[in-house]
Structure formats: C-alpha cells, structure tokens
Amino acid sequence: MAVQPIRLFGDPVLRQRAAEVTTFDKELRQLVKDLEETMLAAPGAGLAAPQLGVSLRVFTYHADGELGHLVNPVLDLSEECQEGDEGCLSFPGIVADTKRSLHVVATGFDMHGEPVTISGSEFKARAIQHETDHLDGVLFIDRLDKAQRKLALKAVREAEWMGLETPQVKVSPHATFGQAR
C-alpha cells in the first residue's frame, strides 16, 4: 500500500467519464488499497480512482464509521434532499453548501468481483454520491447554483494550489432531484 498524490482541479482526468472495470485482478486490489491509504492519510470521506489519475470506475469511502469501496457503482437516489457543506480532496480548502439526495442505495462490486449493495443516509449518502460523480467527470462545484459556483471558483483562483489553467465547469449529466433518470 502506498499514499499517492491526489490530482487537483484543472487536471483533465477529473473531467472524463471513467471506464468500467472489467478485470478484477491484483492490480485492481492494489488500486483499492492505494485509494484507501491515500484517503485516510489526506484525510477524506472518499476518494475516486480518477483523483489518483486512474480512469476506472472505483472509489473508496470512510463515512459513518464504515470503511469500504465500490466498483462500477449504480445509484438509486431518494427524492428527499439534503443541503450541507461539501468539500473535495481535489479542491483543498474549498467548501460549499451542496444539494444532494438524502438517501442512496448503491450497487456494484467489491475488488474481487462479488456483488455489493451499500445504503446510506445523510453524510454517507453525500460521500457515495460525490465519489460516483467523480467517476462521471462531475465535480461538486458543478452541482452548485450560479452564485455559489461563482464564489467557489473565485476561491479556487485565489488558492495557492491553483495552476494557471482556466477551470472548466460543466452541467451534471445526472437527473435533478425528483426527475426520472
């Protein structure tokens, strides 16, 4: 296991839809271990493979006392919503009030290819949705309203870690709350 560098906002890998995992092998198990160790060292509530520069649909989470991972996630979101502070390890120091579903049921696989179902509410639901967004090239700032996004991008431009690239903002491809997918 090894702590890896986390890709920051502006890195193109963060804006790409990650590929489905088709091979459940030693390399995938090592990736999950690297994700877990890096997430815990940061520390963070979740970390997706693209944040380590690996464009595969896998993430780890540490929420509500549970440490886990999910490969090729598919989410079933509640219509009931929550709003709350959300940050991201790819946006050090940036936090914004972000709307998410209150409950989530996520299906996918573990690192051995066995089917897994994870359910969560509130913080855990937020973490699972956030990490799954990363696998679709969606960042939490994309879910902010126009005014909040403007403030968040101003904070990004002023951040010490921000490079010279112009940030790219895109609209989430996911259905908004209460709409069919």
C-alpha atoms as a PDB file:
ATOM      1  CA  MET A   1       0.000   0.000   0.000  1.00  0.00           C
ATOM      2  CA  ALA A   2       1.163   3.483  -0.787  1.00  0.00           C
ATOM      3  CA  VAL A   3      -0.117   7.018  -0.381  1.00  0.00           C
ATOM      4  CA  GLN A   4      -0.400   8.552  -3.844  1.00  0.00           C
ATOM      5  CA  PRO A   5      -0.562  12.201  -4.948  1.00  0.00           C
ATOM      6  CA  ILE A   6      -4.123  13.482  -5.392  1.00  0.00           C
ATOM      7  CA  ARG A   7      -4.960  15.183  -8.689  1.00  0.00           C
ATOM      8  CA  LEU A   8      -6.204  18.749  -8.264  1.00  0.00           C
ATOM      9  CA  PHE A   9      -8.904  20.725 -10.044  1.00  0.00           C
ATOM     10  CA  GLY A  10      -7.710  21.561 -13.537  1.00  0.00           C
ATOM     11  CA  ASP A  11      -6.317  18.072 -14.221  1.00  0.00           C
ATOM     12  CA  PRO A  12      -8.156  16.745 -17.322  1.00  0.00           C
ATOM     13  CA  VAL A  13      -8.609  13.244 -15.840  1.00  0.00           C
ATOM     14  CA  LEU A  14     -11.092  14.715 -13.362  1.00  0.00           C
ATOM     15  CA  ARG A  15     -13.395  15.739 -16.245  1.00  0.00           C
ATOM     16  CA  GLN A  16     -13.505  12.384 -18.053  1.00  0.00           C
ATOM     17  CA  ARG A  17     -16.014   9.582 -17.575  1.00  0.00           C
ATOM     18  CA  ALA A  18     -14.037   6.695 -16.107  1.00  0.00           C
ATOM     19  CA  ALA A  19     -14.040   3.280 -17.795  1.00  0.00           C
ATOM     20  CA  GLU A  20     -15.967   0.322 -16.406  1.00  0.00           C
ATOM     21  CA  VAL A  21     -13.791  -2.174 -14.551  1.00  0.00           C
ATOM     22  CA  THR A  22     -13.791  -5.454 -16.480  1.00  0.00           C
ATOM     23  CA  THR A  23     -10.889  -7.267 -14.830  1.00  0.00           C
ATOM     24  CA  PHE A  24     -10.897  -7.962 -11.107  1.00  0.00           C
ATOM     25  CA  ASP A  25      -7.234  -8.746 -10.552  1.00  0.00           C
ATOM     26  CA  LYS A  26      -4.234  -7.999  -8.351  1.00  0.00           C
ATOM     27  CA  GLU A  27      -3.814  -4.557  -9.951  1.00  0.00           C
ATOM     28  CA  LEU A  28      -7.388  -3.583  -9.027  1.00  0.00           C
ATOM     29  CA  ARG A  29      -6.885  -4.795  -5.458  1.00  0.00           C
ATOM     30  CA  GLN A  30      -3.696  -2.689  -5.253  1.00  0.00           C
ATOM     31  CA  LEU A  31      -5.581   0.339  -6.593  1.00  0.00           C
ATOM     32  CA  VAL A  32      -8.268  -0.074  -3.906  1.00  0.00           C
ATOM     33  CA  LYS A  33      -5.550  -0.312  -1.219  1.00  0.00           C
ATOM     34  CA  ASP A  34      -3.820   2.806  -2.590  1.00  0.00           C
ATOM     35  CA  LEU A  35      -7.150   4.667  -2.660  1.00  0.00           C
ATOM     36  CA  GLU A  36      -7.918   3.690   0.942  1.00  0.00           C
ATOM     37  CA  GLU A  37      -4.490   4.594   2.260  1.00  0.00           C
ATOM     38  CA  THR A  38      -4.402   7.915   0.390  1.00  0.00           C
ATOM     39  CA  MET A  39      -7.953   8.800   1.505  1.00  0.00           C
ATOM     40  CA  LEU A  40      -7.200   8.039   5.155  1.00  0.00           C
ATOM     41  CA  ALA A  41      -3.898   9.937   5.068  1.00  0.00           C
ATOM     42  CA  ALA A  42      -5.472  13.048   3.494  1.00  0.00           C
ATOM     43  CA  PRO A  43      -7.851  12.637   5.495  1.00  0.00           C
ATOM     44  CA  GLY A  44     -11.061  12.446   3.495  1.00  0.00           C
ATOM     45  CA  ALA A  45     -14.509  10.847   3.433  1.00  0.00           C
ATOM     46  CA  GLY A  46     -13.964   9.357  -0.009  1.00  0.00           C
ATOM     47  CA  LEU A  47     -11.601   9.120  -2.939  1.00  0.00           C
ATOM     48  CA  ALA A  48     -12.246   8.070  -6.526  1.00  0.00           C
ATOM     49  CA  ALA A  49      -9.700   6.449  -8.850  1.00  0.00           C
ATOM     50  CA  PRO A  50      -9.614   9.451 -11.242  1.00  0.00           C
ATOM     51  CA  GLN A  51      -8.335  11.536  -8.322  1.00  0.00           C
ATOM     52  CA  LEU A  52      -5.215   9.343  -8.452  1.00  0.00           C
ATOM     53  CA  GLY A  53      -5.043   9.683 -12.236  1.00  0.00           C
ATOM     54  CA  VAL A  54      -6.598   6.256 -12.901  1.00  0.00           C
ATOM     55  CA  SER A  55      -9.653   6.416 -15.152  1.00  0.00           C
ATOM     56  CA  LEU A  56     -11.537   3.421 -13.730  1.00  0.00           C
ATOM     57  CA  ARG A  57     -14.946   3.283 -12.035  1.00  0.00           C
ATOM     58  CA  VAL A  58     -13.879   2.561  -8.466  1.00  0.00           C
ATOM     59  CA  PHE A  59     -13.943   4.588  -5.258  1.00  0.00           C
ATOM     60  CA  THR A  60     -13.339   4.215  -1.545  1.00  0.00           C
ATOM     61  CA  TYR A  61     -15.268   5.843   1.274  1.00  0.00           C
ATOM     62  CA  HIS A  62     -14.933   6.335   5.022  1.00  0.00           C
ATOM     63  CA  ALA A  63     -18.245   7.550   6.370  1.00  0.00           C
ATOM     64  CA  ASP A  64     -20.325   6.894   9.478  1.00  0.00           C
ATOM     65  CA  GLY A  65     -17.563   4.678  10.860  1.00  0.00           C
ATOM     66  CA  GLU A  66     -17.544   2.431   7.780  1.00  0.00           C
ATOM     67  CA  LEU A  67     -14.523   1.988   5.510  1.00  0.00           C
ATOM     68  CA  GLY A  68     -15.366   0.499   2.142  1.00  0.00           C
ATOM     69  CA  HIS A  69     -15.086   0.591  -1.616  1.00  0.00           C
ATOM     70  CA  LEU A  70     -17.299   0.115  -4.640  1.00  0.00           C
ATOM     71  CA  VAL A  71     -16.506  -0.859  -8.226  1.00  0.00           C
ATOM     72  CA  ASN A  72     -18.785   0.080 -11.160  1.00  0.00           C
ATOM     73  CA  PRO A  73     -21.405   1.770  -8.939  1.00  0.00           C
ATOM     74  CA  VAL A  74     -25.023   2.318  -9.925  1.00  0.00           C
ATOM     75  CA  LEU A  75     -27.019   4.637  -7.665  1.00  0.00           C
ATOM     76  CA  ASP A  76     -30.678   4.702  -6.682  1.00  0.00           C
ATOM     77  CA  LEU A  77     -31.297   8.134  -5.168  1.00  0.00           C
ATOM     78  CA  SER A  78     -34.153   9.235  -2.948  1.00  0.00           C
ATOM     79  CA  GLU A  79     -36.284  12.177  -3.994  1.00  0.00           C
ATOM     80  CA  GLU A  80     -35.841  13.628  -0.497  1.00  0.00           C
ATOM     81  CA  CYS A  81     -32.951  16.108  -0.466  1.00  0.00           C
ATOM     82  CA  GLN A  82     -30.388  17.463   1.926  1.00  0.00           C
ATOM     83  CA  GLU A  83     -28.182  20.516   1.764  1.00  0.00           C
ATOM     84  CA  GLY A  84     -24.889  20.810   3.555  1.00  0.00           C
ATOM     85  CA  ASP A  85     -21.231  21.653   3.422  1.00  0.00           C
ATOM     86  CA  GLU A  86     -19.234  19.630   0.952  1.00  0.00           C
ATOM     87  CA  GLY A  87     -15.583  19.735   0.056  1.00  0.00           C
ATOM     88  CA  CYS A  88     -13.245  17.675  -2.081  1.00  0.00           C
ATOM     89  CA  LEU A  89      -9.650  16.487  -1.819  1.00  0.00           C
ATOM     90  CA  SER A  90      -9.144  17.784  -5.376  1.00  0.00           C
ATOM     91  CA  PHE A  91     -10.172  21.272  -4.139  1.00  0.00           C
ATOM     92  CA  PRO A  92      -8.100  21.712  -0.948  1.00  0.00           C
ATOM     93  CA  GLY A  93      -9.721  24.187   1.445  1.00  0.00           C
ATOM     94  CA  ILE A  94     -12.827  24.811  -0.702  1.00  0.00           C
ATOM     95  CA  VAL A  95     -16.201  24.057   0.916  1.00  0.00           C
ATOM     96  CA  ALA A  96     -19.678  24.940  -0.344  1.00  0.00           C
ATOM     97  CA  ASP A  97     -23.290  24.221   0.535  1.00  0.00           C
ATOM     98  CA  THR A  98     -24.258  21.446  -1.905  1.00  0.00           C
ATOM     99  CA  LYS A  99     -27.636  19.834  -2.580  1.00  0.00           C
ATOM    100  CA  ARG A 100     -27.711  16.011  -2.633  1.00  0.00           C
ATOM    101  CA  SER A 101     -30.221  13.215  -2.166  1.00  0.00           C
ATOM    102  CA  LEU A 102     -30.776  12.361   1.478  1.00  0.00           C
ATOM    103  CA  HIS A 103     -30.662   8.585   0.951  1.00  0.00           C
ATOM    104  CA  VAL A 104     -28.835   6.361  -1.537  1.00  0.00           C
ATOM    105  CA  VAL A 105     -28.682   2.684  -2.382  1.00  0.00           C
ATOM    106  CA  ALA A 106     -25.572   1.865  -4.422  1.00  0.00           C
ATOM    107  CA  THR A 107     -24.992  -1.422  -6.181  1.00  0.00           C
ATOM    108  CA  GLY A 108     -21.763  -2.605  -7.750  1.00  0.00           C
ATOM    109  CA  PHE A 109     -18.929  -4.963  -6.954  1.00  0.00           C
ATOM    110  CA  ASP A 110     -16.120  -5.385  -4.473  1.00  0.00           C
ATOM    111  CA  MET A 111     -12.489  -5.687  -5.588  1.00  0.00           C
ATOM    112  CA  HIS A 112     -12.929  -9.441  -6.038  1.00  0.00           C
ATOM    113  CA  GLY A 113     -15.893  -9.078  -8.413  1.00  0.00           C
ATOM    114  CA  GLU A 114     -18.533 -10.060  -5.858  1.00  0.00           C
ATOM    115  CA  PRO A 115     -21.845  -8.123  -5.973  1.00  0.00           C
ATOM    116  CA  VAL A 116     -22.221  -5.475  -3.251  1.00  0.00           C
ATOM    117  CA  THR A 117     -25.066  -3.226  -2.116  1.00  0.00           C
ATOM    118  CA  ILE A 118     -24.360  -0.204   0.059  1.00  0.00           C
ATOM    119  CA  SER A 119     -27.028   2.024   1.534  1.00  0.00           C
ATOM    120  CA  GLY A 120     -26.617   5.251   3.399  1.00  0.00           C
ATOM    121  CA  SER A 121     -28.252   8.447   4.506  1.00  0.00           C
ATOM    122  CA  GLU A 122     -27.068  11.966   5.165  1.00  0.00           C
ATOM    123  CA  PHE A 123     -23.230  12.058   5.329  1.00  0.00           C
ATOM    124  CA  LYS A 124     -22.673   8.582   3.903  1.00  0.00           C
ATOM    125  CA  ALA A 125     -25.178   9.248   1.098  1.00  0.00           C
ATOM    126  CA  ARG A 126     -23.368  12.513   0.327  1.00  0.00           C
ATOM    127  CA  ALA A 127     -19.977  10.759   0.171  1.00  0.00           C
ATOM    128  CA  ILE A 128     -21.230   7.981  -2.135  1.00  0.00           C
ATOM    129  CA  GLN A 129     -22.890  10.486  -4.490  1.00  0.00           C
ATOM    130  CA  HIS A 130     -19.810  12.729  -4.502  1.00  0.00           C
ATOM    131  CA  GLU A 131     -17.447   9.874  -5.366  1.00  0.00           C
ATOM    132  CA  THR A 132     -19.750   8.456  -8.041  1.00  0.00           C
ATOM    133  CA  ASP A 133     -19.896  11.922  -9.607  1.00  0.00           C
ATOM    134  CA  HIS A 134     -16.090  11.814  -9.907  1.00  0.00           C
ATOM    135  CA  LEU A 135     -16.425   8.633 -11.971  1.00  0.00           C
ATOM    136  CA  ASP A 136     -18.646  10.579 -14.400  1.00  0.00           C
ATOM    137  CA  GLY A 137     -16.299  13.570 -14.644  1.00  0.00           C
ATOM    138  CA  VAL A 138     -18.629  15.680 -12.484  1.00  0.00           C
ATOM    139  CA  LEU A 139     -17.203  17.807  -9.673  1.00  0.00           C
ATOM    140  CA  PHE A 140     -19.110  19.122  -6.685  1.00  0.00           C
ATOM    141  CA  ILE A 141     -18.858  22.705  -7.983  1.00  0.00           C
ATOM    142  CA  ASP A 142     -20.935  21.592 -10.980  1.00  0.00           C
ATOM    143  CA  ARG A 143     -23.839  20.975  -8.580  1.00  0.00           C
ATOM    144  CA  LEU A 144     -23.771  24.489  -7.111  1.00  0.00           C
ATOM    145  CA  ASP A 145     -26.168  27.205  -8.153  1.00  0.00           C
ATOM    146  CA  LYS A 146     -24.708  30.002 -10.286  1.00  0.00           C
ATOM    147  CA  ALA A 147     -23.977  32.360  -7.378  1.00  0.00           C
ATOM    148  CA  GLN A 148     -22.342  29.670  -5.221  1.00  0.00           C
ATOM    149  CA  ARG A 149     -20.313  28.374  -8.179  1.00  0.00           C
ATOM    150  CA  LYS A 150     -19.042  31.889  -8.866  1.00  0.00           C
ATOM    151  CA  LEU A 151     -17.895  32.239  -5.233  1.00  0.00           C
ATOM    152  CA  ALA A 152     -16.300  28.769  -5.235  1.00  0.00           C
ATOM    153  CA  LEU A 153     -14.412  29.445  -8.476  1.00  0.00           C
ATOM    154  CA  LYS A 154     -13.190  32.769  -7.065  1.00  0.00           C
ATOM    155  CA  ALA A 155     -11.823  30.877  -4.039  1.00  0.00           C
ATOM    156  CA  VAL A 156     -10.202  28.336  -6.396  1.00  0.00           C
ATOM    157  CA  ARG A 157      -8.495  31.110  -8.404  1.00  0.00           C
ATOM    158  CA  GLU A 158      -7.161  32.591  -5.157  1.00  0.00           C
ATOM    159  CA  ALA A 159      -5.980  29.240  -3.761  1.00  0.00           C
ATOM    160  CA  GLU A 160      -2.218  28.659  -3.502  1.00  0.00           C
ATOM    161  CA  TRP A 161      -2.535  25.261  -5.189  1.00  0.00           C
ATOM    162  CA  MET A 162      -4.323  26.559  -8.303  1.00  0.00           C
ATOM    163  CA  GLY A 163      -2.287  26.463 -11.511  1.00  0.00           C
ATOM    164  CA  LEU A 164      -2.663  28.767 -14.453  1.00  0.00           C
ATOM    165  CA  GLU A 165      -5.307  26.668 -16.273  1.00  0.00           C
ATOM    166  CA  THR A 166      -8.767  28.126 -16.734  1.00  0.00           C
ATOM    167  CA  PRO A 167     -11.263  25.990 -14.816  1.00  0.00           C
ATOM    168  CA  GLN A 168     -13.828  24.098 -16.905  1.00  0.00           C
ATOM    169  CA  VAL A 169     -17.348  23.937 -15.481  1.00  0.00           C
ATOM    170  CA  LYS A 170     -19.967  21.637 -16.931  1.00  0.00           C
ATOM    171  CA  VAL A 171     -23.562  20.783 -16.145  1.00  0.00           C
ATOM    172  CA  SER A 172     -24.190  17.497 -14.372  1.00  0.00           C
ATOM    173  CA  PRO A 173     -25.435  14.707 -16.695  1.00  0.00           C
ATOM    174  CA  HIS A 174     -27.492  13.256 -13.858  1.00  0.00           C
ATOM    175  CA  ALA A 175     -31.187  13.873 -13.407  1.00  0.00           C
ATOM    176  CA  THR A 176     -32.065  16.557 -10.941  1.00  0.00           C
ATOM    177  CA  PHE A 177     -33.932  15.545  -7.820  1.00  0.00           C
ATOM    178  CA  GLY A 178     -37.394  14.188  -8.455  1.00  0.00           C
ATOM    179  CA  GLN A 179     -36.838  13.618 -12.189  1.00  0.00           C
ATOM    180  CA  ALA A 180     -36.654  10.197 -13.817  1.00  0.00           C
ATOM    181  CA  ARG A 181     -33.261   9.038 -14.979  1.00  0.00           C
END
